[in-house]
Amino acid sequence: MTVLVTGATGFIGGALTHHLLAAGERVRVLAREPEKLARAGLSVAEVSRGDITDAAAVERAVAGVDTVYAIAGTFREPSLSDERYREVNVEAVRLMLEAAQRHGVRRVVHCSTVGIHGNVTGAPANEATPIRPEGIYEITKAAGDQLALDRARRGGGPEVVVIRPAPVYGPGDTRLVKLFKLAARDRVILLGDGSPHYHMIFIDDLVEAFRLAGTTPGISGEAFIIAGNECPTLGELIHKIGRLTGHPEQKILKLPAGPVLALSDLCERICRPLGIDPPIYRRRVEFFVNNRAYDITKARTRLGFQPRIGLDEGLARTASWYKEEGFIA
């Protein structure tokens, strides 16, 4: 059976494609820029060129496929218009589901995000925690998530399973470079008090969760939060990275986040209509103040998911790769 992966030139989609190929799966990828596959070390026999927002390209890619791993999407990019976010994170989901239904696809595994649950208060969030998206990225991801679940629950089409990953890290990722650069020093300036949790998932464990979502029977119409075993506070995480990068006696200066958050709102209101990246924006400040703690009981019991990479090992492997690539000293 052929499986289709979208987003194979990205971090998560690329890792999943490597895993599926190594397992002997027959893999097809839908890629806007197929030349990036070789640079990512991927040798895929079936490559369909096109964008997930192009109905004709999606139609071609889905024909003859058993399972779709719909990983592609746009991440938080302040210069993008709200319309582009909706096009990629909502309408492209609709296109994929409709094409999958026409071509008799068995199952679609849709990649969402824990970010749709917003700032977590009280107990760690689980799949029943209210959806409280806080920005255009989260708002559109929440809409795509709901669209996928609604389609599955109506029946008459492919099975649909939704994966909501916690922040993903590991060798090959560049989105957490800023965090490692911040922490890899003797003196750290931190917004807020460092008490919010920052629950993550190592890339190898996330890839295994996607495989389980694609193969486990009887889970159509369900969503699963995927995160690691350990849920450190941001302060604890910074200290761990400091020790791993040769700064065990790290000192942290804590600054109030409120004024910076207000300034970030002002910058975004001015810069986004002009199509330019603001020098500071709300998401970066919220990184320091939003609580991200998640309960993965459902994934353990329904998927049989068990994270295998501990936080210390995952951070060490990531820090080593960052050093090799010259991101940190």
C-alpha atoms as a PDB file:
ATOM      1  CA  MET A   1       0.000   0.000   0.000  1.00  0.00           C
ATOM      2  CA  THR A   2       1.181   3.537  -0.769  1.00  0.00           C
ATOM      3  CA  VAL A   3       1.287   6.165   1.962  1.00  0.00           C
ATOM      4  CA  LEU A   4       1.342   9.879   1.213  1.00  0.00           C
ATOM      5  CA  VAL A   5       3.272  12.390   3.317  1.00  0.00           C
ATOM      6  CA  THR A   6       2.792  16.138   2.975  1.00  0.00           C
ATOM      7  CA  GLY A   7       5.399  18.444   4.473  1.00  0.00           C
ATOM      8  CA  ALA A   8       8.266  16.017   3.819  1.00  0.00           C
ATOM      9  CA  THR A   9      10.726  18.885   3.280  1.00  0.00           C
ATOM     10  CA  GLY A  10      10.030  20.144   6.821  1.00  0.00           C
ATOM     11  CA  PHE A  11      11.368  18.921  10.146  1.00  0.00           C
ATOM     12  CA  ILE A  12       8.485  16.691  11.246  1.00  0.00           C
ATOM     13  CA  GLY A  13       7.426  15.502   7.795  1.00  0.00           C
ATOM     14  CA  GLY A  14      11.031  14.743   6.836  1.00  0.00           C
ATOM     15  CA  ALA A  15      11.624  12.682   9.973  1.00  0.00           C
ATOM     16  CA  LEU A  16       8.386  10.776   9.403  1.00  0.00           C
ATOM     17  CA  THR A  17       9.311  10.088   5.779  1.00  0.00           C
ATOM     18  CA  HIS A  18      12.744   8.753   6.834  1.00  0.00           C
ATOM     19  CA  HIS A  19      11.007   6.466   9.339  1.00  0.00           C
ATOM     20  CA  LEU A  20       8.448   5.139   6.863  1.00  0.00           C
ATOM     21  CA  LEU A  21      11.080   4.464   4.198  1.00  0.00           C
ATOM     22  CA  ALA A  22      13.292   2.663   6.727  1.00  0.00           C
ATOM     23  CA  ALA A  23      10.300   0.510   7.669  1.00  0.00           C
ATOM     24  CA  GLY A  24       9.892  -0.537   4.042  1.00  0.00           C
ATOM     25  CA  GLU A  25       6.764   1.468   3.305  1.00  0.00           C
ATOM     26  CA  ARG A  26       5.972   2.599  -0.210  1.00  0.00           C
ATOM     27  CA  VAL A  27       6.035   6.376   0.226  1.00  0.00           C
ATOM     28  CA  ARG A  28       4.800   9.178  -1.990  1.00  0.00           C
ATOM     29  CA  VAL A  29       5.362  12.801  -1.041  1.00  0.00           C
ATOM     30  CA  LEU A  30       3.592  15.973  -2.085  1.00  0.00           C
ATOM     31  CA  ALA A  31       6.205  18.724  -2.146  1.00  0.00           C
ATOM     32  CA  ARG A  32       6.133  22.291  -3.381  1.00  0.00           C
ATOM     33  CA  GLU A  33       9.927  22.223  -3.843  1.00  0.00           C
ATOM     34  CA  PRO A  34      10.973  18.591  -4.437  1.00  0.00           C
ATOM     35  CA  GLU A  35      14.630  19.584  -4.819  1.00  0.00           C
ATOM     36  CA  LYS A  36      14.731  20.096  -1.037  1.00  0.00           C
ATOM     37  CA  LEU A  37      14.186  16.357  -0.527  1.00  0.00           C
ATOM     38  CA  ALA A  38      17.713  15.492  -1.598  1.00  0.00           C
ATOM     39  CA  ARG A  39      19.161  18.183   0.652  1.00  0.00           C
ATOM     40  CA  ALA A  40      17.276  16.532   3.520  1.00  0.00           C
ATOM     41  CA  GLY A  41      18.811  13.173   2.638  1.00  0.00           C
ATOM     42  CA  LEU A  42      15.548  11.735   1.355  1.00  0.00           C
ATOM     43  CA  SER A  43      15.396   9.426  -1.644  1.00  0.00           C
ATOM     44  CA  VAL A  44      11.714   9.009  -2.500  1.00  0.00           C
ATOM     45  CA  ALA A  45      10.642   7.134  -5.616  1.00  0.00           C
ATOM     46  CA  GLU A  46       7.238   8.802  -5.898  1.00  0.00           C
ATOM     47  CA  VAL A  47       7.293  12.593  -5.764  1.00  0.00           C
ATOM     48  CA  SER A  48       4.252  14.670  -6.638  1.00  0.00           C
ATOM     49  CA  ARG A  49       5.060  18.329  -7.177  1.00  0.00           C
ATOM     50  CA  GLY A  50       2.575  20.843  -5.878  1.00  0.00           C
ATOM     51  CA  ASP A  51       1.182  22.826  -2.987  1.00  0.00           C
ATOM     52  CA  ILE A  52      -1.365  21.606  -0.437  1.00  0.00           C
ATOM     53  CA  THR A  53      -3.549  24.605  -1.343  1.00  0.00           C
ATOM     54  CA  ASP A  54      -3.694  23.544  -5.026  1.00  0.00           C
ATOM     55  CA  ALA A  55      -6.740  21.310  -5.516  1.00  0.00           C
ATOM     56  CA  ALA A  56      -5.381  19.706  -8.700  1.00  0.00           C
ATOM     57  CA  ALA A  57      -2.031  18.907  -7.063  1.00  0.00           C
ATOM     58  CA  VAL A  58      -3.739  17.363  -4.038  1.00  0.00           C
ATOM     59  CA  GLU A  59      -5.995  15.299  -6.309  1.00  0.00           C
ATOM     60  CA  ARG A  60      -2.981  13.883  -8.169  1.00  0.00           C
ATOM     61  CA  ALA A  61      -1.086  13.120  -4.985  1.00  0.00           C
ATOM     62  CA  VAL A  62      -3.939  11.291  -3.265  1.00  0.00           C
ATOM     63  CA  ALA A  63      -4.908   8.984  -6.145  1.00  0.00           C
ATOM     64  CA  GLY A  64      -4.118   5.378  -5.281  1.00  0.00           C
ATOM     65  CA  VAL A  65      -3.065   6.089  -1.690  1.00  0.00           C
ATOM     66  CA  ASP A  66      -4.041   4.027   1.364  1.00  0.00           C
ATOM     67  CA  THR A  67      -2.969   6.390   4.168  1.00  0.00           C
ATOM     68  CA  VAL A  68      -2.279  10.128   4.223  1.00  0.00           C
ATOM     69  CA  TYR A  69      -0.025  11.735   6.817  1.00  0.00           C
ATOM     70  CA  ALA A  70      -1.039  15.377   6.464  1.00  0.00           C
ATOM     71  CA  ILE A  71       1.892  17.149   8.130  1.00  0.00           C
ATOM     72  CA  ALA A  72       2.304  20.264   5.975  1.00  0.00           C
ATOM     73  CA  GLY A  73       1.084  23.596   7.278  1.00  0.00           C
ATOM     74  CA  THR A  74       2.326  27.076   7.933  1.00  0.00           C
ATOM     75  CA  PHE A  75       3.942  27.781  11.275  1.00  0.00           C
ATOM     76  CA  ARG A  76       3.925  31.074  13.155  1.00  0.00           C
ATOM     77  CA  GLU A  77       5.164  33.660  10.658  1.00  0.00           C
ATOM     78  CA  PRO A  78       4.248  37.212  11.718  1.00  0.00           C
ATOM     79  CA  SER A  79       4.479  38.652   8.206  1.00  0.00           C
ATOM     80  CA  LEU A  80       1.825  36.296   6.782  1.00  0.00           C
ATOM     81  CA  SER A  81      -1.695  37.586   6.278  1.00  0.00           C
ATOM     82  CA  ASP A  82      -4.625  36.072   8.142  1.00  0.00           C
ATOM     83  CA  GLU A  83      -5.982  34.959   4.770  1.00  0.00           C
ATOM     84  CA  ARG A  84      -2.848  32.927   4.055  1.00  0.00           C
ATOM     85  CA  TYR A  85      -3.059  31.237   7.451  1.00  0.00           C
ATOM     86  CA  ARG A  86      -6.662  30.244   6.700  1.00  0.00           C
ATOM     87  CA  GLU A  87      -5.779  29.049   3.227  1.00  0.00           C
ATOM     88  CA  VAL A  88      -3.030  26.722   4.501  1.00  0.00           C
ATOM     89  CA  ASN A  89      -4.314  25.622   7.900  1.00  0.00           C
ATOM     90  CA  VAL A  90      -8.034  25.335   7.136  1.00  0.00           C
ATOM     91  CA  GLU A  91      -8.912  25.253   3.436  1.00  0.00           C
ATOM     92  CA  ALA A  92      -6.032  22.917   2.583  1.00  0.00           C
ATOM     93  CA  VAL A  93      -7.359  20.493   5.208  1.00  0.00           C
ATOM     94  CA  ARG A  94     -10.739  20.588   3.490  1.00  0.00           C
ATOM     95  CA  LEU A  95      -9.140  19.937   0.090  1.00  0.00           C
ATOM     96  CA  MET A  96      -7.216  16.934   1.412  1.00  0.00           C
ATOM     97  CA  LEU A  97     -10.233  15.382   3.126  1.00  0.00           C
ATOM     98  CA  GLU A  98     -12.439  15.820   0.070  1.00  0.00           C
ATOM     99  CA  ALA A  99      -9.805  14.321  -2.239  1.00  0.00           C
ATOM    100  CA  ALA A 100      -9.246  11.444   0.183  1.00  0.00           C
ATOM    101  CA  GLN A 101     -12.958  10.677   0.151  1.00  0.00           C
ATOM    102  CA  ARG A 102     -13.168  10.691  -3.643  1.00  0.00           C
ATOM    103  CA  HIS A 103     -10.188   8.339  -3.961  1.00  0.00           C
ATOM    104  CA  GLY A 104     -11.166   5.878  -1.252  1.00  0.00           C
ATOM    105  CA  VAL A 105      -8.274   6.606   1.112  1.00  0.00           C
ATOM    106  CA  ARG A 106      -8.471   4.403   4.197  1.00  0.00           C
ATOM    107  CA  ARG A 107      -7.160   6.888   6.793  1.00  0.00           C
ATOM    108  CA  VAL A 108      -5.945  10.493   7.071  1.00  0.00           C
ATOM    109  CA  VAL A 109      -3.696  11.406  10.000  1.00  0.00           C
ATOM    110  CA  HIS A 110      -3.913  15.155  10.493  1.00  0.00           C
ATOM    111  CA  CYS A 111      -1.193  17.117  12.304  1.00  0.00           C
ATOM    112  CA  SER A 112      -2.624  19.745  14.645  1.00  0.00           C
ATOM    113  CA  THR A 113      -0.950  21.301  17.722  1.00  0.00           C
ATOM    114  CA  VAL A 114      -1.405  21.499  21.486  1.00  0.00           C
ATOM    115  CA  GLY A 115      -1.308  25.269  20.983  1.00  0.00           C
ATOM    116  CA  ILE A 116      -5.041  25.211  20.291  1.00  0.00           C
ATOM    117  CA  HIS A 117      -5.600  24.648  24.040  1.00  0.00           C
ATOM    118  CA  GLY A 118      -3.955  27.994  24.770  1.00  0.00           C
ATOM    119  CA  ASN A 119      -2.369  28.899  28.093  1.00  0.00           C
ATOM    120  CA  VAL A 120      -2.952  25.900  30.363  1.00  0.00           C
ATOM    121  CA  THR A 121      -4.316  26.722  33.798  1.00  0.00           C
ATOM    122  CA  GLY A 122      -4.877  24.254  36.619  1.00  0.00           C
ATOM    123  CA  ALA A 123      -4.302  20.589  35.782  1.00  0.00           C
ATOM    124  CA  PRO A 124      -2.324  19.571  32.686  1.00  0.00           C
ATOM    125  CA  ALA A 125      -4.429  19.815  29.536  1.00  0.00           C
ATOM    126  CA  ASN A 126      -5.896  16.716  27.959  1.00  0.00           C
ATOM    127  CA  GLU A 127      -7.968  16.191  24.829  1.00  0.00           C
ATOM    128  CA  ALA A 128     -11.147  17.260  26.642  1.00  0.00           C
ATOM    129  CA  THR A 129      -9.648  20.571  27.781  1.00  0.00           C
ATOM    130  CA  PRO A 130     -11.492  23.494  26.124  1.00  0.00           C
ATOM    131  CA  ILE A 131     -10.042  24.828  22.878  1.00  0.00           C
ATOM    132  CA  ARG A 132      -8.797  28.379  23.551  1.00  0.00           C
ATOM    133  CA  PRO A 133      -6.634  29.543  20.626  1.00  0.00           C
ATOM    134  CA  GLU A 134      -4.920  32.875  21.238  1.00  0.00           C
ATOM    135  CA  GLY A 135      -3.464  33.980  17.883  1.00  0.00           C
ATOM    136  CA  ILE A 136      -4.151  33.589  14.178  1.00  0.00           C
ATOM    137  CA  TYR A 137      -1.887  30.531  13.932  1.00  0.00           C
ATOM    138  CA  GLU A 138      -3.679  28.764  16.791  1.00  0.00           C
ATOM    139  CA  ILE A 139      -7.109  29.965  15.609  1.00  0.00           C
ATOM    140  CA  THR A 140      -6.623  28.490  12.148  1.00  0.00           C
ATOM    141  CA  LYS A 141      -5.038  25.283  13.461  1.00  0.00           C
ATOM    142  CA  ALA A 142      -8.036  24.860  15.777  1.00  0.00           C
ATOM    143  CA  ALA A 143     -10.395  25.308  12.822  1.00  0.00           C
ATOM    144  CA  GLY A 144      -8.500  22.701  10.794  1.00  0.00           C
ATOM    145  CA  ASP A 145      -8.465  20.331  13.767  1.00  0.00           C
ATOM    146  CA  GLN A 146     -12.243  20.654  14.190  1.00  0.00           C
ATOM    147  CA  LEU A 147     -12.848  20.275  10.452  1.00  0.00           C
ATOM    148  CA  ALA A 148     -10.925  16.990  10.442  1.00  0.00           C
ATOM    149  CA  LEU A 149     -12.761  15.598  13.473  1.00  0.00           C
ATOM    150  CA  ASP A 150     -16.161  16.673  12.159  1.00  0.00           C
ATOM    151  CA  ARG A 151     -15.531  14.938   8.845  1.00  0.00           C
ATOM    152  CA  ALA A 152     -14.588  11.693  10.599  1.00  0.00           C
ATOM    153  CA  ARG A 153     -17.603  11.768  12.896  1.00  0.00           C
ATOM    154  CA  ARG A 154     -20.001  12.268   9.991  1.00  0.00           C
ATOM    155  CA  GLY A 155     -18.762   9.004   8.485  1.00  0.00           C
ATOM    156  CA  GLY A 156     -18.975   7.997   4.848  1.00  0.00           C
ATOM    157  CA  GLY A 157     -15.366   8.904   4.099  1.00  0.00           C
ATOM    158  CA  PRO A 158     -11.851   8.062   5.210  1.00  0.00           C
ATOM    159  CA  GLU A 159     -11.038   7.415   8.831  1.00  0.00           C
ATOM    160  CA  VAL A 160      -9.460  10.537  10.358  1.00  0.00           C
ATOM    161  CA  VAL A 161      -7.129  10.719  13.357  1.00  0.00           C
ATOM    162  CA  VAL A 162      -5.776  13.994  14.760  1.00  0.00           C
ATOM    163  CA  ILE A 163      -2.382  14.306  16.438  1.00  0.00           C
ATOM    164  CA  ARG A 164      -1.711  17.360  18.631  1.00  0.00           C
ATOM    165  CA  PRO A 165       2.059  17.497  19.228  1.00  0.00           C
ATOM    166  CA  ALA A 166       3.630  19.439  22.060  1.00  0.00           C
ATOM    167  CA  PRO A 167       6.599  21.632  21.022  1.00  0.00           C
ATOM    168  CA  VAL A 168       8.900  19.361  19.024  1.00  0.00           C
ATOM    169  CA  TYR A 169      12.679  19.258  19.379  1.00  0.00           C
ATOM    170  CA  GLY A 170      15.652  17.199  18.258  1.00  0.00           C
ATOM    171  CA  PRO A 171      18.514  17.178  15.737  1.00  0.00           C
ATOM    172  CA  GLY A 172      17.365  18.872  12.552  1.00  0.00           C
ATOM    173  CA  ASP A 173      15.074  21.358  14.289  1.00  0.00           C
ATOM    174  CA  THR A 174      15.939  25.058  14.172  1.00  0.00           C
ATOM    175  CA  ARG A 175      12.905  26.565  15.875  1.00  0.00           C
ATOM    176  CA  LEU A 176      14.368  26.093  19.366  1.00  0.00           C
ATOM    177  CA  VAL A 177      17.788  27.481  18.482  1.00  0.00           C
ATOM    178  CA  LYS A 178      16.855  30.753  20.187  1.00  0.00           C
ATOM    179  CA  LEU A 179      16.066  28.920  23.430  1.00  0.00           C
ATOM    180  CA  PHE A 180      19.399  27.092  23.360  1.00  0.00           C
ATOM    181  CA  LYS A 181      21.274  30.293  22.568  1.00  0.00           C
ATOM    182  CA  LEU A 182      19.508  32.000  25.466  1.00  0.00           C
ATOM    183  CA  ALA A 183      20.366  29.184  27.875  1.00  0.00           C
ATOM    184  CA  ALA A 184      23.918  28.427  26.698  1.00  0.00           C
ATOM    185  CA  ARG A 185      25.548  31.180  28.755  1.00  0.00           C
ATOM    186  CA  ASP A 186      26.543  32.005  32.316  1.00  0.00           C
ATOM    187  CA  ARG A 187      24.075  34.868  32.698  1.00  0.00           C
ATOM    188  CA  VAL A 188      20.542  34.624  31.359  1.00  0.00           C
ATOM    189  CA  ILE A 189      17.963  37.410  31.125  1.00  0.00           C
ATOM    190  CA  LEU A 190      14.534  35.819  31.507  1.00  0.00           C
ATOM    191  CA  LEU A 191      11.114  37.402  31.058  1.00  0.00           C
ATOM    192  CA  GLY A 192       8.799  36.317  33.869  1.00  0.00           C
ATOM    193  CA  ASP A 193       9.685  34.077  36.803  1.00  0.00           C
ATOM    194  CA  GLY A 194      10.473  30.865  34.886  1.00  0.00           C
ATOM    195  CA  SER A 195       7.652  28.914  36.579  1.00  0.00           C
ATOM    196  CA  PRO A 196       5.455  28.076  33.523  1.00  0.00           C
ATOM    197  CA  HIS A 197       5.933  24.531  32.277  1.00  0.00           C
ATOM    198  CA  TYR A 198       7.339  23.841  28.828  1.00  0.00           C
ATOM    199  CA  HIS A 199       6.352  20.294  27.898  1.00  0.00           C
ATOM    200  CA  MET A 200       8.071  18.995  24.753  1.00  0.00           C
ATOM    201  CA  ILE A 201       8.268  15.895  22.569  1.00  0.00           C
ATOM    202  CA  PHE A 202      11.449  14.502  21.003  1.00  0.00           C
ATOM    203  CA  ILE A 203      11.168  14.038  17.249  1.00  0.00           C
ATOM    204  CA  ASP A 204      11.768  10.255  17.288  1.00  0.00           C
ATOM    205  CA  ASP A 205       8.929   9.749  19.749  1.00  0.00           C
ATOM    206  CA  LEU A 206       6.591  11.974  17.764  1.00  0.00           C
ATOM    207  CA  VAL A 207       7.286  10.009  14.580  1.00  0.00           C
ATOM    208  CA  GLU A 208       6.357   6.801  16.404  1.00  0.00           C
ATOM    209  CA  ALA A 209       3.101   8.427  17.534  1.00  0.00           C
ATOM    210  CA  PHE A 210       2.240   9.250  13.920  1.00  0.00           C
ATOM    211  CA  ARG A 211       2.932   5.660  12.900  1.00  0.00           C
ATOM    212  CA  LEU A 212       0.618   4.403  15.638  1.00  0.00           C
ATOM    213  CA  ALA A 213      -2.058   6.894  14.568  1.00  0.00           C
ATOM    214  CA  GLY A 214      -1.858   5.545  11.036  1.00  0.00           C
ATOM    215  CA  THR A 215      -2.094   1.868  11.970  1.00  0.00           C
ATOM    216  CA  THR A 216      -4.041   1.442  15.226  1.00  0.00           C
ATOM    217  CA  PRO A 217      -7.602   0.221  14.535  1.00  0.00           C
ATOM    218  CA  GLY A 218     -10.768   1.730  15.988  1.00  0.00           C
ATOM    219  CA  ILE A 219      -9.579   5.292  16.640  1.00  0.00           C
ATOM    220  CA  SER A 220     -11.190   7.276  13.811  1.00  0.00           C
ATOM    221  CA  GLY A 221     -12.627  10.596  14.933  1.00  0.00           C
ATOM    222  CA  GLU A 222     -10.259  10.886  17.892  1.00  0.00           C
ATOM    223  CA  ALA A 223      -7.550  13.398  18.799  1.00  0.00           C
ATOM    224  CA  PHE A 224      -4.388  12.601  20.741  1.00  0.00           C
ATOM    225  CA  ILE A 225      -2.039  14.922  22.619  1.00  0.00           C
ATOM    226  CA  ILE A 226       1.561  13.777  22.175  1.00  0.00           C
ATOM    227  CA  ALA A 227       4.244  14.899  24.641  1.00  0.00           C
ATOM    228  CA  GLY A 228       7.183  13.446  26.540  1.00  0.00           C
ATOM    229  CA  ASN A 229       7.311  11.823  29.968  1.00  0.00           C
ATOM    230  CA  GLU A 230       8.853  14.856  31.662  1.00  0.00           C
ATOM    231  CA  CYS A 231       7.288  18.302  31.990  1.00  0.00           C
ATOM    232  CA  PRO A 232       9.926  20.806  33.212  1.00  0.00           C
ATOM    233  CA  THR A 233       9.356  24.424  34.066  1.00  0.00           C
ATOM    234  CA  LEU A 234      11.026  26.905  31.755  1.00  0.00           C
ATOM    235  CA  GLY A 235      13.514  27.743  34.489  1.00  0.00           C
ATOM    236  CA  GLU A 236      14.419  24.072  34.930  1.00  0.00           C
ATOM    237  CA  LEU A 237      14.777  23.647  31.181  1.00  0.00           C
ATOM    238  CA  ILE A 238      17.139  26.609  30.904  1.00  0.00           C
ATOM    239  CA  HIS A 239      19.298  25.249  33.734  1.00  0.00           C
ATOM    240  CA  LYS A 240      19.444  21.823  32.065  1.00  0.00           C
ATOM    241  CA  ILE A 241      20.559  23.337  28.761  1.00  0.00           C
ATOM    242  CA  GLY A 242      23.069  25.502  30.620  1.00  0.00           C
ATOM    243  CA  ARG A 243      24.671  22.458  32.237  1.00  0.00           C
ATOM    244  CA  LEU A 244      24.752  20.554  28.950  1.00  0.00           C
ATOM    245  CA  THR A 245      26.484  23.451  27.186  1.00  0.00           C
ATOM    246  CA  GLY A 246      29.137  24.072  29.850  1.00  0.00           C
ATOM    247  CA  HIS A 247      27.427  26.656  32.071  1.00  0.00           C
ATOM    248  CA  PRO A 248      26.615  24.793  35.310  1.00  0.00           C
ATOM    249  CA  GLU A 249      26.832  27.885  37.545  1.00  0.00           C
ATOM    250  CA  GLN A 250      24.274  29.805  35.550  1.00  0.00           C
ATOM    251  CA  LYS A 251      22.745  32.990  36.984  1.00  0.00           C
ATOM    252  CA  ILE A 252      19.273  34.091  35.856  1.00  0.00           C
ATOM    253  CA  LEU A 253      18.052  37.701  35.910  1.00  0.00           C
ATOM    254  CA  LYS A 254      14.235  37.774  35.867  1.00  0.00           C
ATOM    255  CA  LEU A 255      12.395  40.730  34.348  1.00  0.00           C
ATOM    256  CA  PRO A 256       8.645  41.486  34.412  1.00  0.00           C
ATOM    257  CA  ALA A 257       6.969  40.330  31.206  1.00  0.00           C
ATOM    258  CA  GLY A 258       3.900  42.599  31.264  1.00  0.00           C
ATOM    259  CA  PRO A 259       5.438  45.762  29.750  1.00  0.00           C
ATOM    260  CA  VAL A 260       7.206  43.752  27.034  1.00  0.00           C
ATOM    261  CA  LEU A 261       3.961  41.983  26.172  1.00  0.00           C
ATOM    262  CA  ALA A 262       2.193  45.330  25.714  1.00  0.00           C
ATOM    263  CA  LEU A 263       5.043  46.590  23.516  1.00  0.00           C
ATOM    264  CA  SER A 264       4.864  43.446  21.376  1.00  0.00           C
ATOM    265  CA  ASP A 265       1.153  44.033  20.716  1.00  0.00           C
ATOM    266  CA  LEU A 266       1.910  47.561  19.536  1.00  0.00           C
ATOM    267  CA  CYS A 267       4.710  46.378  17.247  1.00  0.00           C
ATOM    268  CA  GLU A 268       2.502  43.764  15.614  1.00  0.00           C
ATOM    269  CA  ARG A 269      -0.349  46.223  15.017  1.00  0.00           C
ATOM    270  CA  ILE A 270       2.053  48.538  13.230  1.00  0.00           C
ATOM    271  CA  CYS A 271       4.169  46.013  11.300  1.00  0.00           C
ATOM    272  CA  ARG A 272       1.796  43.266  10.176  1.00  0.00           C
ATOM    273  CA  PRO A 273      -0.364  45.484   7.899  1.00  0.00           C
ATOM    274  CA  LEU A 274       2.879  46.569   6.217  1.00  0.00           C
ATOM    275  CA  GLY A 275       3.935  42.969   5.601  1.00  0.00           C
ATOM    276  CA  ILE A 276       7.132  43.205   7.647  1.00  0.00           C
ATOM    277  CA  ASP A 277       8.391  41.187  10.606  1.00  0.00           C
ATOM    278  CA  PRO A 278       8.057  43.172  13.822  1.00  0.00           C
ATOM    279  CA  PRO A 279      11.223  43.484  15.929  1.00  0.00           C
ATOM    280  CA  ILE A 280       9.291  41.963  18.827  1.00  0.00           C
ATOM    281  CA  TYR A 281       5.974  40.158  18.746  1.00  0.00           C
ATOM    282  CA  ARG A 282       3.520  38.610  21.154  1.00  0.00           C
ATOM    283  CA  ARG A 283       4.367  34.979  20.466  1.00  0.00           C
ATOM    284  CA  ARG A 284       7.969  35.444  21.559  1.00  0.00           C
ATOM    285  CA  VAL A 285       6.892  37.041  24.813  1.00  0.00           C
ATOM    286  CA  GLU A 286       4.162  34.450  25.433  1.00  0.00           C
ATOM    287  CA  PHE A 287       6.858  31.797  25.174  1.00  0.00           C
ATOM    288  CA  PHE A 288       8.056  32.958  28.596  1.00  0.00           C
ATOM    289  CA  VAL A 289       4.674  33.337  30.304  1.00  0.00           C
ATOM    290  CA  ASN A 290       2.289  30.715  28.892  1.00  0.00           C
ATOM    291  CA  ASN A 291       2.026  27.398  30.716  1.00  0.00           C
ATOM    292  CA  ARG A 292       2.333  24.272  28.561  1.00  0.00           C
ATOM    293  CA  ALA A 293       1.672  21.117  30.581  1.00  0.00           C
ATOM    294  CA  TYR A 294      -0.108  18.131  29.031  1.00  0.00           C
ATOM    295  CA  ASP A 295      -1.598  14.795  30.021  1.00  0.00           C
ATOM    296  CA  ILE A 296      -0.789  11.971  27.582  1.00  0.00           C
ATOM    297  CA  THR A 297      -2.862   9.262  29.301  1.00  0.00           C
ATOM    298  CA  LYS A 298      -5.162   8.860  26.293  1.00  0.00           C
ATOM    299  CA  ALA A 299      -2.244   8.354  23.887  1.00  0.00           C
ATOM    300  CA  ARG A 300      -0.755   5.768  26.239  1.00  0.00           C
ATOM    301  CA  THR A 301      -3.972   3.792  26.624  1.00  0.00           C
ATOM    302  CA  ARG A 302      -5.584   4.111  23.179  1.00  0.00           C
ATOM    303  CA  LEU A 303      -2.492   4.226  20.957  1.00  0.00           C
ATOM    304  CA  GLY A 304      -0.057   2.299  23.121  1.00  0.00           C
ATOM    305  CA  PHE A 305       2.235   5.321  22.875  1.00  0.00           C
ATOM    306  CA  GLN A 306       5.264   5.302  25.169  1.00  0.00           C
ATOM    307  CA  PRO A 307       7.917   8.052  24.892  1.00  0.00           C
ATOM    308  CA  ARG A 308      11.366   6.453  24.842  1.00  0.00           C
ATOM    309  CA  ILE A 309      13.719   9.444  24.787  1.00  0.00           C
ATOM    310  CA  GLY A 310      14.192  11.060  28.192  1.00  0.00           C
ATOM    311  CA  LEU A 311      14.532  14.834  28.449  1.00  0.00           C
ATOM    312  CA  ASP A 312      18.236  14.796  29.362  1.00  0.00           C
ATOM    313  CA  GLU A 313      19.085  12.508  26.445  1.00  0.00           C
ATOM    314  CA  GLY A 314      16.949  14.481  24.006  1.00  0.00           C
ATOM    315  CA  LEU A 315      18.425  17.824  25.051  1.00  0.00           C
ATOM    316  CA  ALA A 316      21.966  16.428  24.876  1.00  0.00           C
ATOM    317  CA  ARG A 317      21.420  15.069  21.362  1.00  0.00           C
ATOM    318  CA  THR A 318      19.890  18.363  20.260  1.00  0.00           C
ATOM    319  CA  ALA A 319      22.656  20.475  21.827  1.00  0.00           C
ATOM    320  CA  SER A 320      25.293  18.272  20.163  1.00  0.00           C
ATOM    321  CA  TRP A 321      23.681  18.795  16.752  1.00  0.00           C
ATOM    322  CA  TYR A 322      23.402  22.555  17.317  1.00  0.00           C
ATOM    323  CA  LYS A 323      27.118  22.651  18.131  1.00  0.00           C
ATOM    324  CA  GLU A 324      27.990  20.635  15.025  1.00  0.00           C
ATOM    325  CA  GLU A 325      25.959  23.018  12.890  1.00  0.00           C
ATOM    326  CA  GLY A 326      27.501  26.108  14.500  1.00  0.00           C
ATOM    327  CA  PHE A 327      24.294  27.389  16.102  1.00  0.00           C
ATOM    328  CA  ILE A 328      25.835  27.420  19.579  1.00  0.00           C
ATOM    329  CA  ALA A 329      29.442  27.342  20.779  1.00  0.00           C
END
